N, C-alpha and C. Protein backbone atom coordinates (compact mmCIF):
# COMPACT_ATOMS: atom_id res chain seq x y z
N UNK A 1 -65.87 -52.86 -24.84
CA UNK A 1 -65.90 -54.28 -24.51
C UNK A 1 -67.91 -54.82 -24.33
N UNK A 2 -68.01 -55.84 -24.53
CA UNK A 2 -68.56 -56.30 -24.51
C UNK A 2 -69.35 -57.33 -22.77
N UNK A 3 -70.05 -56.49 -22.50
CA UNK A 3 -70.53 -57.10 -20.84
C UNK A 3 -70.30 -58.47 -20.03
N UNK A 4 -69.61 -59.76 -19.50
CA UNK A 4 -70.23 -60.69 -19.36
C UNK A 4 -72.10 -60.62 -18.80
N UNK A 5 -72.19 -62.02 -18.87
CA UNK A 5 -73.27 -61.62 -17.69
C UNK A 5 -73.86 -61.85 -16.35
N UNK A 6 -72.35 -62.38 -16.17
CA UNK A 6 -71.64 -61.86 -14.61
C UNK A 6 -71.72 -60.02 -14.34
N UNK A 7 -71.47 -59.38 -14.84
CA UNK A 7 -71.33 -58.09 -15.04
C UNK A 7 -72.52 -57.12 -14.38
N UNK A 8 -73.35 -57.82 -15.19
CA UNK A 8 -74.94 -57.54 -14.91
C UNK A 8 -75.70 -57.31 -15.01
N UNK A 9 -75.30 -58.41 -13.34
CA UNK A 9 -75.64 -58.33 -12.12
C UNK A 9 -74.79 -58.51 -10.41
N UNK A 10 -73.35 -57.88 -10.92
CA UNK A 10 -73.26 -57.19 -9.70
C UNK A 10 -74.12 -56.17 -8.44
N UNK A 11 -73.58 -57.09 -7.52
CA UNK A 11 -74.43 -55.96 -6.00
C UNK A 11 -73.91 -55.03 -6.02
N UNK A 12 -74.61 -53.65 -7.30
CA UNK A 12 -74.12 -52.49 -7.13
C UNK A 12 -75.03 -51.43 -6.15
N UNK A 13 -76.10 -52.58 -5.60
CA UNK A 13 -77.47 -51.84 -5.10
C UNK A 13 -77.06 -50.54 -4.12
N UNK A 14 -76.26 -51.28 -3.10
CA UNK A 14 -75.71 -50.79 -1.51
C UNK A 14 -74.98 -49.53 -2.35
N UNK A 15 -74.10 -49.21 -3.32
CA UNK A 15 -73.41 -47.64 -3.65
C UNK A 15 -74.31 -47.21 -4.25
N UNK A 16 -75.45 -47.84 -5.33
CA UNK A 16 -76.47 -46.50 -5.36
C UNK A 16 -77.16 -45.92 -4.57
N UNK A 17 -77.49 -46.03 -3.24
CA UNK A 17 -78.49 -45.81 -2.61
C UNK A 17 -77.47 -44.97 -1.49
N UNK A 18 -76.22 -45.38 -2.08
CA UNK A 18 -75.28 -43.78 -1.12
C UNK A 18 -75.70 -42.43 -0.79
N UNK A 19 -75.72 -41.58 0.17
CA UNK A 19 -76.03 -40.14 0.52
C UNK A 19 -75.18 -39.86 -0.02
N UNK A 20 -74.08 -38.90 -0.70
CA UNK A 20 -73.00 -38.67 -0.54
C UNK A 20 -72.29 -37.53 0.66
N UNK A 21 -73.91 -36.75 0.83
CA UNK A 21 -73.96 -35.54 1.86
C UNK A 21 -73.14 -36.63 3.44
N UNK A 22 -73.59 -37.96 3.45
CA UNK A 22 -73.30 -38.46 4.54
C UNK A 22 -72.45 -38.55 4.99
N UNK A 23 -71.02 -39.14 4.11
CA UNK A 23 -69.76 -39.39 4.03
C UNK A 23 -69.01 -39.25 3.81
N UNK A 24 -68.20 -38.04 4.02
CA UNK A 24 -67.42 -37.22 4.21
C UNK A 24 -65.76 -37.69 5.53
N UNK A 25 -66.06 -39.40 5.57
CA UNK A 25 -64.44 -39.98 6.08
C UNK A 25 -64.68 -41.75 5.18
N UNK A 26 -63.32 -41.80 5.36
CA UNK A 26 -63.29 -43.02 4.23
C UNK A 26 -63.28 -44.22 4.91
N UNK A 27 -64.12 -44.45 6.66
CA UNK A 27 -64.41 -45.23 6.87
C UNK A 27 -65.87 -44.98 7.17
N UNK A 28 -66.65 -44.11 6.21
CA UNK A 28 -67.57 -44.27 6.06
C UNK A 28 -68.48 -44.97 4.82
N UNK A 29 -67.56 -44.28 3.98
CA UNK A 29 -67.25 -45.22 2.91
C UNK A 29 -67.43 -46.57 2.26
N UNK A 30 -66.13 -47.26 3.35
CA UNK A 30 -65.25 -48.64 3.68
C UNK A 30 -66.51 -49.55 4.03
N UNK A 31 -67.45 -48.87 4.36
CA UNK A 31 -68.51 -49.44 5.24
C UNK A 31 -69.50 -50.20 4.17
N UNK A 32 -70.11 -48.91 3.21
CA UNK A 32 -71.17 -49.69 1.67
C UNK A 32 -70.37 -49.71 1.29
N UNK A 33 -68.97 -50.20 1.24
CA UNK A 33 -68.29 -50.83 -0.38
C UNK A 33 -68.20 -52.44 0.32
N UNK A 34 -68.10 -52.12 1.70
CA UNK A 34 -67.64 -53.85 2.18
C UNK A 34 -68.65 -54.13 1.99
N UNK A 35 -70.07 -53.63 2.00
CA UNK A 35 -71.42 -54.18 2.29
C UNK A 35 -71.71 -54.48 1.28
N UNK A 36 -72.15 -53.94 0.25
CA UNK A 36 -71.88 -54.13 -1.23
C UNK A 36 -70.74 -55.51 -1.57
N UNK A 37 -70.09 -55.86 -1.47
CA UNK A 37 -69.09 -56.24 -1.34
C UNK A 37 -69.66 -58.24 -1.17
N UNK A 38 -69.85 -58.09 0.07
CA UNK A 38 -70.31 -59.12 1.30
C UNK A 38 -71.45 -59.81 0.26
N UNK A 39 -72.80 -58.65 -0.11
CA UNK A 39 -74.09 -58.89 -1.27
C UNK A 39 -73.76 -60.02 -2.35
N UNK A 40 -72.85 -59.20 -3.16
CA UNK A 40 -72.13 -60.02 -4.52
C UNK A 40 -71.50 -61.29 -4.39
N UNK A 41 -70.70 -61.41 -2.28
CA UNK A 41 -69.61 -62.60 -3.26
C UNK A 41 -71.36 -63.59 -2.25
N UNK A 42 -72.41 -63.08 -1.73
CA UNK A 42 -73.18 -64.07 -1.49
C UNK A 42 -73.95 -64.49 -2.20
N UNK A 43 -74.29 -63.45 -3.51
CA UNK A 43 -75.26 -63.54 -4.99
C UNK A 43 -74.28 -65.19 -6.01
N UNK A 44 -72.83 -64.86 -5.78
CA UNK A 44 -72.12 -65.77 -6.39
C UNK A 44 -72.16 -67.19 -6.05
N UNK A 45 -72.30 -67.44 -4.86
CA UNK A 45 -71.78 -68.00 -4.18
C UNK A 45 -73.99 -69.01 -4.33
N UNK A 46 -74.15 -68.73 -4.16
CA UNK A 46 -75.42 -69.44 -4.74
C UNK A 46 -75.99 -69.55 -6.02
N UNK A 47 -74.79 -68.70 -7.37
CA UNK A 47 -75.70 -69.79 -8.29
C UNK A 47 -74.31 -70.36 -9.02
N UNK A 48 -73.47 -69.96 -8.23
CA UNK A 48 -72.02 -70.52 -9.04
C UNK A 48 -71.98 -72.48 -8.93
N UNK A 49 -72.75 -73.24 -8.22
CA UNK A 49 -73.61 -74.55 -7.72
C UNK A 49 -74.38 -74.31 -9.31
N UNK A 50 -75.54 -73.77 -10.17
CA UNK A 50 -75.64 -73.76 -11.17
C UNK A 50 -74.69 -74.14 -12.37
N UNK A 51 -73.43 -72.87 -12.35
CA UNK A 51 -72.85 -72.04 -13.03
C UNK A 51 -72.35 -74.03 -13.97
N UNK A 52 -72.25 -74.43 -12.88
CA UNK A 52 -71.10 -75.34 -12.71
C UNK A 52 -72.09 -76.68 -13.60
N UNK A 53 -72.60 -76.82 -13.12
CA UNK A 53 -73.81 -77.88 -13.34
C UNK A 53 -73.84 -77.50 -14.81
N UNK A 54 -73.98 -76.37 -15.64
CA UNK A 54 -74.85 -75.55 -16.72
C UNK A 54 -72.71 -76.05 -17.63
N UNK A 55 -72.08 -75.33 -17.26
CA UNK A 55 -71.11 -75.71 -18.62
C UNK A 55 -70.06 -76.24 -17.77
N UNK A 56 -70.00 -77.42 -16.83
CA UNK A 56 -69.46 -77.88 -16.38
C UNK A 56 -67.58 -77.69 -16.25
N UNK A 57 -67.14 -78.85 -16.82
CA UNK A 57 -65.50 -77.75 -15.92
C UNK A 57 -64.72 -76.99 -17.02
N UNK A 58 -65.23 -75.17 -16.29
CA UNK A 58 -64.74 -74.35 -17.30
C UNK A 58 -63.09 -73.91 -16.68
N UNK A 59 -62.78 -73.96 -15.79
CA UNK A 59 -61.51 -73.53 -15.47
C UNK A 59 -61.99 -72.34 -14.11
N UNK A 60 -63.29 -72.34 -14.16
CA UNK A 60 -63.79 -71.04 -13.55
C UNK A 60 -63.55 -70.91 -11.97
N UNK A 61 -63.06 -71.24 -10.65
CA UNK A 61 -63.40 -71.32 -9.89
C UNK A 61 -64.42 -70.58 -8.71
N UNK A 62 -64.86 -70.93 -8.54
CA UNK A 62 -65.12 -69.53 -6.91
C UNK A 62 -64.48 -68.88 -6.35
N UNK A 63 -63.01 -68.91 -6.44
CA UNK A 63 -61.73 -67.55 -6.17
C UNK A 63 -61.71 -67.02 -7.79
N UNK A 64 -62.54 -67.71 -8.52
CA UNK A 64 -61.80 -67.03 -9.86
C UNK A 64 -63.13 -65.92 -9.97
N UNK A 65 -64.56 -66.52 -9.57
CA UNK A 65 -65.94 -65.72 -10.16
C UNK A 65 -66.05 -64.97 -8.97
N UNK A 66 -65.23 -64.51 -7.76
CA UNK A 66 -65.12 -63.84 -6.65
C UNK A 66 -63.46 -62.57 -7.16
N UNK A 67 -63.17 -62.57 -7.14
CA UNK A 67 -61.92 -61.88 -7.73
C UNK A 67 -62.21 -61.34 -9.48
N UNK A 68 -63.20 -61.55 -10.18
CA UNK A 68 -63.66 -60.97 -11.32
C UNK A 68 -64.94 -59.81 -11.10
N UNK A 69 -65.45 -60.06 -10.04
CA UNK A 69 -66.34 -59.40 -9.25
C UNK A 69 -65.86 -58.34 -8.58
N UNK A 70 -65.12 -58.63 -7.91
CA UNK A 70 -64.09 -57.94 -6.44
C UNK A 70 -63.32 -56.96 -7.61
N UNK A 71 -62.95 -56.97 -9.08
CA UNK A 71 -62.23 -56.43 -10.15
C UNK A 71 -62.84 -55.74 -10.12
N UNK A 72 -64.48 -55.85 -10.43
CA UNK A 72 -65.51 -54.98 -10.73
C UNK A 72 -65.86 -53.58 -10.36
N UNK A 73 -66.17 -54.61 -8.75
CA UNK A 73 -66.28 -53.59 -8.02
C UNK A 73 -65.07 -52.21 -7.65
N UNK A 74 -64.13 -52.36 -8.00
CA UNK A 74 -62.59 -52.13 -7.39
C UNK A 74 -62.79 -50.27 -9.01
N UNK A 75 -63.15 -51.29 -9.77
CA UNK A 75 -63.00 -50.76 -10.81
C UNK A 75 -64.06 -48.99 -11.10
N UNK A 76 -65.01 -49.87 -10.31
CA UNK A 76 -66.95 -48.72 -9.96
C UNK A 76 -66.15 -48.01 -8.94
N UNK A 77 -64.99 -48.02 -8.22
CA UNK A 77 -64.53 -47.40 -6.57
C UNK A 77 -63.95 -46.57 -7.69
N UNK A 78 -62.73 -46.49 -8.63
CA UNK A 78 -61.99 -45.77 -9.20
C UNK A 78 -62.16 -45.34 -10.27
N UNK A 79 -64.03 -45.38 -10.30
CA UNK A 79 -64.06 -44.26 -11.84
C UNK A 79 -63.74 -45.43 -13.54
N UNK A 80 -63.39 -46.60 -13.47
CA UNK A 80 -63.07 -46.85 -14.00
C UNK A 80 -63.83 -47.98 -15.66
N UNK A 81 -65.06 -48.39 -14.29
CA UNK A 81 -65.66 -49.50 -15.23
C UNK A 81 -66.43 -48.89 -16.49
N UNK A 82 -66.74 -49.94 -17.03
CA UNK A 82 -66.58 -49.25 -18.76
C UNK A 82 -67.80 -49.79 -18.52
N UNK A 83 -68.95 -50.73 -17.61
CA UNK A 83 -70.24 -50.39 -18.19
C UNK A 83 -71.26 -49.68 -17.66
N UNK A 84 -71.97 -49.65 -18.82
CA UNK A 84 -72.79 -48.36 -18.92
C UNK A 84 -74.65 -48.55 -17.96
N UNK A 85 -74.19 -49.92 -18.79
CA UNK A 85 -75.97 -50.46 -17.93
C UNK A 85 -76.93 -51.19 -19.22
N UNK A 86 -78.47 -52.34 -18.62
CA UNK A 86 -78.15 -52.60 -19.95
C UNK A 86 -80.04 -52.23 -20.13
N UNK A 87 -80.18 -51.04 -19.98
CA UNK A 87 -81.30 -50.54 -20.33
C UNK A 87 -81.61 -48.66 -19.63
N UNK A 88 -82.11 -47.81 -19.99
CA UNK A 88 -82.13 -46.46 -19.38
C UNK A 88 -82.27 -46.43 -18.24
N UNK A 89 -82.47 -47.27 -17.63
CA UNK A 89 -83.56 -47.35 -16.41
C UNK A 89 -81.49 -47.20 -14.84
N UNK A 90 -81.07 -48.32 -15.69
CA UNK A 90 -79.78 -48.73 -15.33
C UNK A 90 -78.81 -48.19 -15.82
N UNK A 91 -78.76 -47.48 -16.80
CA UNK A 91 -77.66 -46.26 -16.91
C UNK A 91 -77.77 -45.22 -16.63
N UNK A 92 -79.07 -45.01 -16.09
CA UNK A 92 -79.16 -43.85 -15.43
C UNK A 92 -78.63 -43.91 -14.21
N UNK A 93 -79.15 -45.59 -13.34
CA UNK A 93 -78.36 -45.31 -12.22
C UNK A 93 -76.86 -45.74 -12.05
N UNK A 94 -76.30 -46.29 -12.99
CA UNK A 94 -74.64 -45.71 -13.40
C UNK A 94 -73.97 -44.31 -13.63
N UNK A 95 -74.98 -43.16 -14.02
CA UNK A 95 -74.90 -42.23 -14.00
C UNK A 95 -74.40 -41.69 -12.70
N UNK A 96 -75.79 -41.34 -12.01
CA UNK A 96 -76.11 -40.70 -11.22
C UNK A 96 -74.60 -41.54 -9.79
N UNK A 97 -74.74 -43.13 -9.48
CA UNK A 97 -73.55 -43.19 -8.75
C UNK A 97 -72.33 -43.17 -9.37
N UNK A 98 -72.10 -43.16 -10.13
CA UNK A 98 -70.89 -42.45 -10.94
C UNK A 98 -70.68 -40.96 -9.95
N UNK A 99 -71.62 -39.84 -10.41
CA UNK A 99 -71.52 -38.94 -9.40
C UNK A 99 -71.89 -38.89 -8.65
N UNK A 100 -72.15 -39.98 -7.84
CA UNK A 100 -72.14 -39.80 -6.18
C UNK A 100 -70.84 -40.26 -5.69
N UNK A 101 -70.05 -40.86 -6.59
CA UNK A 101 -68.51 -40.98 -5.94
C UNK A 101 -67.89 -40.22 -6.19
N UNK A 102 -68.10 -39.63 -6.97
CA UNK A 102 -67.31 -37.73 -7.74
C UNK A 102 -67.18 -37.68 -6.38
N UNK A 103 -68.56 -37.20 -5.77
CA UNK A 103 -69.16 -35.94 -4.44
C UNK A 103 -68.50 -36.72 -3.18
N UNK A 104 -68.29 -38.11 -3.01
CA UNK A 104 -68.07 -38.66 -2.12
C UNK A 104 -66.85 -38.53 -2.00
N UNK A 105 -65.71 -38.70 -2.77
CA UNK A 105 -63.98 -38.09 -2.78
C UNK A 105 -63.85 -37.00 -2.85
N UNK A 106 -64.92 -36.02 -3.33
CA UNK A 106 -64.76 -34.31 -3.30
C UNK A 106 -64.42 -34.54 -1.18
N UNK A 107 -65.99 -34.81 -1.00
CA UNK A 107 -65.71 -35.10 0.82
C UNK A 107 -64.69 -35.00 1.68
N UNK A 108 -64.22 -36.33 0.56
CA UNK A 108 -63.23 -37.51 1.74
C UNK A 108 -61.78 -35.98 1.28
N UNK A 109 -61.47 -35.59 0.05
CA UNK A 109 -60.83 -34.54 0.10
C UNK A 109 -60.94 -33.52 1.25
N UNK A 110 -62.02 -32.77 0.90
CA UNK A 110 -62.50 -31.69 1.56
C UNK A 110 -61.75 -31.36 3.18
N UNK A 111 -61.91 -33.36 3.94
CA UNK A 111 -61.74 -33.10 5.10
C UNK A 111 -60.78 -33.83 4.74
N UNK A 112 -59.94 -34.21 4.57
CA UNK A 112 -57.66 -34.05 4.44
C UNK A 112 -57.81 -32.74 4.92
N UNK A 113 -58.15 -31.96 3.94
CA UNK A 113 -57.67 -30.71 3.77
C UNK A 113 -57.47 -29.83 5.60
N UNK A 114 -59.51 -30.10 5.76
CA UNK A 114 -59.43 -29.52 6.75
C UNK A 114 -58.61 -30.24 8.68
N UNK A 115 -58.27 -31.23 8.25
CA UNK A 115 -57.45 -32.31 9.68
C UNK A 115 -56.72 -31.63 9.29
N UNK A 116 -56.25 -30.91 8.16
CA UNK A 116 -54.66 -30.03 8.20
C UNK A 116 -54.13 -28.74 7.89
N UNK A 117 -54.89 -28.21 8.76
CA UNK A 117 -54.79 -27.14 9.07
C UNK A 117 -54.06 -26.36 9.57
N UNK A 118 -53.68 -27.00 10.18
CA UNK A 118 -52.11 -26.97 11.32
C UNK A 118 -50.72 -27.58 10.62
N UNK A 119 -50.74 -28.07 9.94
CA UNK A 119 -49.48 -28.63 8.63
C UNK A 119 -49.30 -28.03 8.24
N UNK A 120 -48.87 -27.01 7.77
CA UNK A 120 -48.95 -26.26 5.96
C UNK A 120 -48.16 -26.97 4.97
N UNK A 121 -47.51 -27.99 5.21
CA UNK A 121 -46.21 -28.48 4.35
C UNK A 121 -47.20 -30.08 4.16
N UNK A 122 -47.94 -30.67 5.42
CA UNK A 122 -48.36 -31.74 5.04
C UNK A 122 -50.25 -31.28 3.71
N UNK A 123 -50.31 -30.02 4.65
CA UNK A 123 -51.27 -30.07 3.36
C UNK A 123 -50.86 -29.70 2.72
N UNK A 124 -49.96 -28.57 2.16
CA UNK A 124 -49.80 -28.64 0.55
C UNK A 124 -49.43 -29.92 -0.67
N UNK A 125 -48.59 -30.48 0.13
CA UNK A 125 -48.71 -32.76 -0.66
C UNK A 125 -49.90 -33.03 -0.99
N UNK A 126 -50.80 -32.90 0.02
CA UNK A 126 -52.42 -33.79 -0.53
C UNK A 126 -52.80 -32.91 -1.50
N UNK A 127 -52.60 -31.22 -1.39
CA UNK A 127 -53.57 -30.90 -3.02
C UNK A 127 -52.34 -30.97 -4.11
N UNK A 128 -51.61 -30.76 -3.75
CA UNK A 128 -50.37 -31.21 -4.81
C UNK A 128 -51.25 -32.80 -5.67
N UNK A 129 -50.87 -33.47 -4.68
CA UNK A 129 -51.00 -35.25 -4.95
C UNK A 129 -52.98 -34.50 -5.61
N UNK A 130 -53.82 -34.28 -4.84
CA UNK A 130 -54.86 -34.74 -5.46
C UNK A 130 -56.00 -33.28 -6.09
N UNK A 131 -55.18 -32.58 -6.27
CA UNK A 131 -56.44 -30.72 -6.59
C UNK A 131 -56.09 -31.03 -7.94
N UNK A 132 -57.37 -30.20 -8.91
CA UNK A 132 -56.61 -29.95 -9.92
C UNK A 132 -57.23 -31.60 -11.08
N UNK A 133 -57.49 -32.03 -10.12
CA UNK A 133 -58.17 -33.18 -11.12
C UNK A 133 -59.06 -32.58 -12.49
N UNK A 134 -58.84 -33.53 -13.41
CA UNK A 134 -60.05 -32.77 -14.56
C UNK A 134 -61.49 -33.05 -14.18
N UNK A 135 -62.74 -32.08 -14.20
CA UNK A 135 -63.64 -32.33 -13.72
C UNK A 135 -63.64 -32.69 -12.29
N UNK A 136 -62.95 -32.90 -11.48
CA UNK A 136 -63.24 -33.56 -9.78
C UNK A 136 -63.87 -34.43 -9.32
N UNK A 137 -62.91 -35.82 -11.04
CA UNK A 137 -62.58 -36.74 -10.90
C UNK A 137 -62.06 -37.30 -9.25
N UNK A 138 -60.72 -37.47 -8.62
CA UNK A 138 -60.45 -37.37 -7.47
C UNK A 138 -59.77 -39.13 -8.29
N UNK A 139 -59.05 -38.99 -9.52
CA UNK A 139 -59.08 -39.75 -9.60
C UNK A 139 -57.51 -39.84 -8.87
N UNK A 140 -56.72 -40.03 -8.58
CA UNK A 140 -55.66 -40.15 -7.67
C UNK A 140 -56.14 -40.97 -5.85
N UNK A 141 -57.01 -39.86 -5.98
CA UNK A 141 -57.76 -39.92 -4.41
C UNK A 141 -58.11 -41.78 -4.71
N UNK A 142 -59.69 -41.71 -5.46
CA UNK A 142 -60.41 -43.15 -5.16
C UNK A 142 -59.23 -44.25 -5.58
N UNK A 143 -57.79 -44.01 -6.52
CA UNK A 143 -57.03 -45.23 -6.44
C UNK A 143 -56.32 -44.97 -5.47
N UNK A 144 -55.96 -44.70 -5.06
CA UNK A 144 -55.00 -44.48 -3.29
C UNK A 144 -56.13 -45.53 -2.50
N UNK A 145 -57.16 -44.56 -2.70
CA UNK A 145 -58.09 -45.60 -1.29
C UNK A 145 -58.04 -47.25 -1.63
N UNK A 146 -58.42 -47.26 -2.89
CA UNK A 146 -58.46 -48.89 -3.70
C UNK A 146 -57.24 -49.37 -2.46
N UNK A 147 -56.31 -48.81 -2.98
CA UNK A 147 -54.77 -49.80 -2.66
C UNK A 147 -54.92 -49.82 -1.31
N UNK A 148 -55.89 -48.76 -0.29
CA UNK A 148 -55.97 -49.12 0.63
C UNK A 148 -55.94 -49.68 1.48
N UNK A 149 -57.22 -49.63 1.26
CA UNK A 149 -58.44 -51.13 2.00
C UNK A 149 -59.20 -51.72 0.35
N UNK A 150 -58.02 -52.02 -0.56
CA UNK A 150 -58.64 -53.69 -1.52
C UNK A 150 -58.36 -54.58 -0.58
N UNK A 151 -57.54 -55.23 0.38
CA UNK A 151 -58.01 -56.27 1.40
C UNK A 151 -59.21 -56.13 2.12
N UNK A 152 -59.75 -55.19 2.65
CA UNK A 152 -60.39 -55.51 3.56
C UNK A 152 -61.94 -55.53 2.38
N UNK A 153 -61.86 -55.18 1.09
CA UNK A 153 -63.12 -55.19 0.15
C UNK A 153 -63.04 -57.15 0.00
N UNK A 154 -61.59 -57.39 -0.40
CA UNK A 154 -62.01 -58.74 -0.48
C UNK A 154 -61.80 -59.89 1.14
N UNK A 155 -62.03 -59.45 2.52
CA UNK A 155 -62.48 -60.20 2.67
C UNK A 155 -63.20 -60.43 2.81
N UNK A 156 -64.64 -58.66 3.06
CA UNK A 156 -66.04 -59.12 2.90
C UNK A 156 -66.39 -59.76 1.90
N UNK A 157 -65.82 -59.78 0.57
CA UNK A 157 -66.54 -60.14 -1.00
C UNK A 157 -66.37 -61.99 -0.20
N UNK A 158 -65.30 -62.54 -0.12
CA UNK A 158 -64.68 -63.68 0.76
C UNK A 158 -66.43 -64.32 1.84
N UNK A 159 -66.66 -63.60 2.37
CA UNK A 159 -66.72 -64.21 3.65
C UNK A 159 -67.98 -65.77 3.22
N UNK A 160 -68.90 -65.28 2.20
CA UNK A 160 -69.63 -66.68 1.91
C UNK A 160 -68.96 -67.69 1.49
N UNK A 161 -67.63 -67.58 1.34
CA UNK A 161 -67.02 -68.45 0.20
C UNK A 161 -66.94 -70.10 0.98
N UNK A 162 -67.12 -71.01 0.10
CA UNK A 162 -67.01 -72.15 1.82
C UNK A 162 -64.84 -72.20 1.89
N UNK A 163 -64.78 -73.32 3.05
CA UNK A 163 -64.05 -73.86 3.50
C UNK A 163 -62.83 -74.32 2.73
N UNK A 164 -63.25 -75.41 1.60
CA UNK A 164 -62.64 -75.21 0.86
C UNK A 164 -63.06 -75.22 -0.41
N UNK A 165 -63.17 -74.18 -0.48
CA UNK A 165 -63.07 -73.32 -2.01
C UNK A 165 -61.81 -72.10 -1.53
N UNK A 166 -60.39 -72.96 -2.83
CA UNK A 166 -59.33 -72.85 -2.88
C UNK A 166 -58.36 -71.81 -3.94
N UNK A 167 -57.79 -71.57 -4.55
CA UNK A 167 -57.48 -71.05 -5.69
C UNK A 167 -56.56 -71.95 -6.78
N UNK A 168 -56.61 -72.11 -7.80
CA UNK A 168 -56.37 -73.35 -8.23
C UNK A 168 -54.52 -73.58 -8.24
N UNK A 169 -53.87 -72.55 -7.80
CA UNK A 169 -52.50 -72.68 -7.81
C UNK A 169 -51.86 -71.59 -6.98
N UNK A 170 -50.79 -71.26 -6.68
CA UNK A 170 -50.44 -70.56 -5.30
C UNK A 170 -50.19 -68.81 -5.08
N UNK A 171 -51.16 -68.43 -5.18
CA UNK A 171 -51.05 -66.79 -5.24
C UNK A 171 -50.87 -66.19 -4.15
N UNK A 172 -50.37 -66.61 -2.01
CA UNK A 172 -49.55 -66.48 -1.75
C UNK A 172 -48.75 -66.20 -1.10
N UNK A 173 -48.26 -64.43 -0.78
CA UNK A 173 -47.52 -64.95 -0.39
C UNK A 173 -45.83 -64.67 -1.75
N UNK A 174 -46.11 -64.18 -2.51
CA UNK A 174 -45.50 -63.89 -4.02
C UNK A 174 -45.61 -65.13 -4.35
N UNK A 175 -46.98 -66.07 -4.18
CA UNK A 175 -46.94 -67.28 -5.75
C UNK A 175 -46.12 -67.57 -4.95
N UNK A 176 -45.45 -68.26 -3.62
CA UNK A 176 -44.90 -69.36 -3.05
C UNK A 176 -46.28 -70.22 -2.30
N UNK A 177 -47.10 -70.33 -1.79
CA UNK A 177 -48.00 -70.24 -0.98
C UNK A 177 -49.32 -70.19 -1.76
N UNK A 178 -50.53 -70.97 -0.88
CA UNK A 178 -51.58 -71.56 -1.83
C UNK A 178 -52.46 -70.77 -0.83
N UNK A 179 -54.14 -70.19 -1.27
CA UNK A 179 -54.47 -69.96 -0.60
C UNK A 179 -55.64 -71.36 0.85
N UNK A 180 -55.58 -70.61 2.28
CA UNK A 180 -55.87 -71.26 3.16
C UNK A 180 -56.99 -71.85 2.53
N UNK A 181 -58.22 -71.34 2.73
CA UNK A 181 -59.27 -71.02 2.20
C UNK A 181 -60.80 -69.67 2.70
N UNK A 182 -61.63 -70.23 2.22
CA UNK A 182 -62.57 -69.07 1.73
C UNK A 182 -62.10 -68.26 0.64
N UNK A 183 -61.08 -68.81 -0.07
CA UNK A 183 -60.13 -67.82 -1.19
C UNK A 183 -59.34 -66.72 -0.60
N UNK A 184 -58.68 -67.40 1.23
CA UNK A 184 -58.00 -66.48 1.71
C UNK A 184 -56.57 -66.91 1.74
N UNK A 185 -55.46 -65.33 2.08
CA UNK A 185 -54.18 -65.88 2.18
C UNK A 185 -54.33 -65.51 3.86
N UNK A 186 -53.47 -66.79 4.59
CA UNK A 186 -53.28 -66.83 6.37
C UNK A 186 -52.44 -65.33 6.18
N UNK A 187 -51.96 -64.30 5.62
CA UNK A 187 -51.10 -63.69 5.48
C UNK A 187 -52.05 -62.54 5.67
N UNK A 188 -53.82 -62.38 5.07
CA UNK A 188 -54.90 -61.54 4.68
C UNK A 188 -54.38 -61.09 3.70
N UNK A 189 -53.50 -60.75 2.97
CA UNK A 189 -52.66 -60.27 1.86
C UNK A 189 -53.89 -60.93 1.02
N UNK A 190 -54.31 -59.89 -0.50
CA UNK A 190 -55.31 -60.24 -1.28
C UNK A 190 -54.89 -61.34 -2.62
N UNK A 191 -55.23 -62.37 -2.90
CA UNK A 191 -54.87 -63.07 -3.21
C UNK A 191 -55.00 -62.94 -4.43
N UNK A 192 -55.21 -61.88 -5.17
CA UNK A 192 -55.36 -61.67 -6.98
C UNK A 192 -54.93 -60.26 -7.11
N UNK A 193 -54.39 -60.25 -8.75
CA UNK A 193 -54.42 -59.29 -8.92
C UNK A 193 -55.06 -58.15 -10.64
N UNK A 194 -56.50 -59.35 -10.41
CA UNK A 194 -58.03 -58.68 -11.21
C UNK A 194 -57.73 -57.73 -11.11
N UNK A 195 -57.79 -56.99 -10.13
CA UNK A 195 -58.10 -56.08 -10.08
C UNK A 195 -57.68 -54.36 -10.48
N UNK A 196 -56.05 -55.10 -10.75
CA UNK A 196 -54.56 -54.57 -11.18
C UNK A 196 -54.66 -54.31 -13.02
N UNK A 197 -55.70 -55.67 -13.68
CA UNK A 197 -55.61 -56.22 -14.96
C UNK A 197 -56.96 -54.87 -15.82
N UNK A 198 -56.58 -54.13 -16.72
CA UNK A 198 -57.58 -54.34 -17.48
C UNK A 198 -59.29 -54.10 -17.43
N UNK A 199 -59.92 -53.85 -17.16
CA UNK A 199 -61.28 -54.34 -17.20
C UNK A 199 -61.83 -55.27 -19.16
N UNK A 200 -61.20 -54.69 -20.20
CA UNK A 200 -61.59 -55.08 -20.92
C UNK A 200 -61.18 -56.41 -21.36
N UNK A 201 -59.62 -56.90 -20.54
CA UNK A 201 -59.76 -57.27 -20.73
C UNK A 201 -59.41 -58.94 -19.98
N UNK A 202 -59.71 -58.20 -19.00
CA UNK A 202 -60.38 -59.07 -17.97
C UNK A 202 -61.85 -59.87 -18.27
N UNK A 203 -62.94 -59.36 -19.30
CA UNK A 203 -64.38 -59.64 -19.74
C UNK A 203 -63.33 -60.07 -21.02
N UNK A 204 -62.76 -60.11 -21.83
CA UNK A 204 -61.89 -60.95 -22.72
C UNK A 204 -61.88 -62.50 -22.18
N UNK A 205 -60.99 -62.02 -21.92
CA UNK A 205 -60.69 -63.64 -20.99
C UNK A 205 -62.02 -64.42 -20.41
N UNK A 206 -62.71 -63.65 -19.58
CA UNK A 206 -64.04 -64.53 -19.19
C UNK A 206 -65.01 -64.69 -19.84
N UNK A 207 -65.49 -64.53 -20.89
CA UNK A 207 -66.00 -64.87 -22.09
C UNK A 207 -65.36 -66.17 -23.02
N UNK A 208 -63.68 -65.41 -23.46
CA UNK A 208 -63.62 -67.29 -23.63
C UNK A 208 -63.51 -68.46 -22.94
């Protein structure tokens, strides 16, 4: 699938500059991911009025655009991102980012195992679930990390949203209530499941 223009400029510089050796715990990684999400949210807030002026009523609300980038960040973290870069330098950065993320999750895995030296049963469960991943991609660990932390990343990416920015339909509390303000649910649940929709399908919908 051909990446939409928005994806070409997702603010992932903060992730590209991560030094894997300094990330050995999930909290360390979460700080960097949330910073990247916050920068991306601010970027979208900046160009959204120009987008609306050019394309008028496209149905893409501020919340929808934030959700699309939120989902792309989720794909990057989980090793599912289809976007390979727009030039040679950018392509090299994307390859480096994926390698760094693999190293980071290897560090997180090793710390998990190290912290469980006195619990052989729990250690065995962790090894069974996460070890043996092809090429040490740690896809299962990355998926679980995203599941646990996606609400915090959504909070970060919506920091710059306005109090009047709401989803166009009910998306909170099992689709029973609307977002309150800043594209957020009062329960702090994430009001979108875009990050669980395959990226190429999201891109097709965005191009349409």
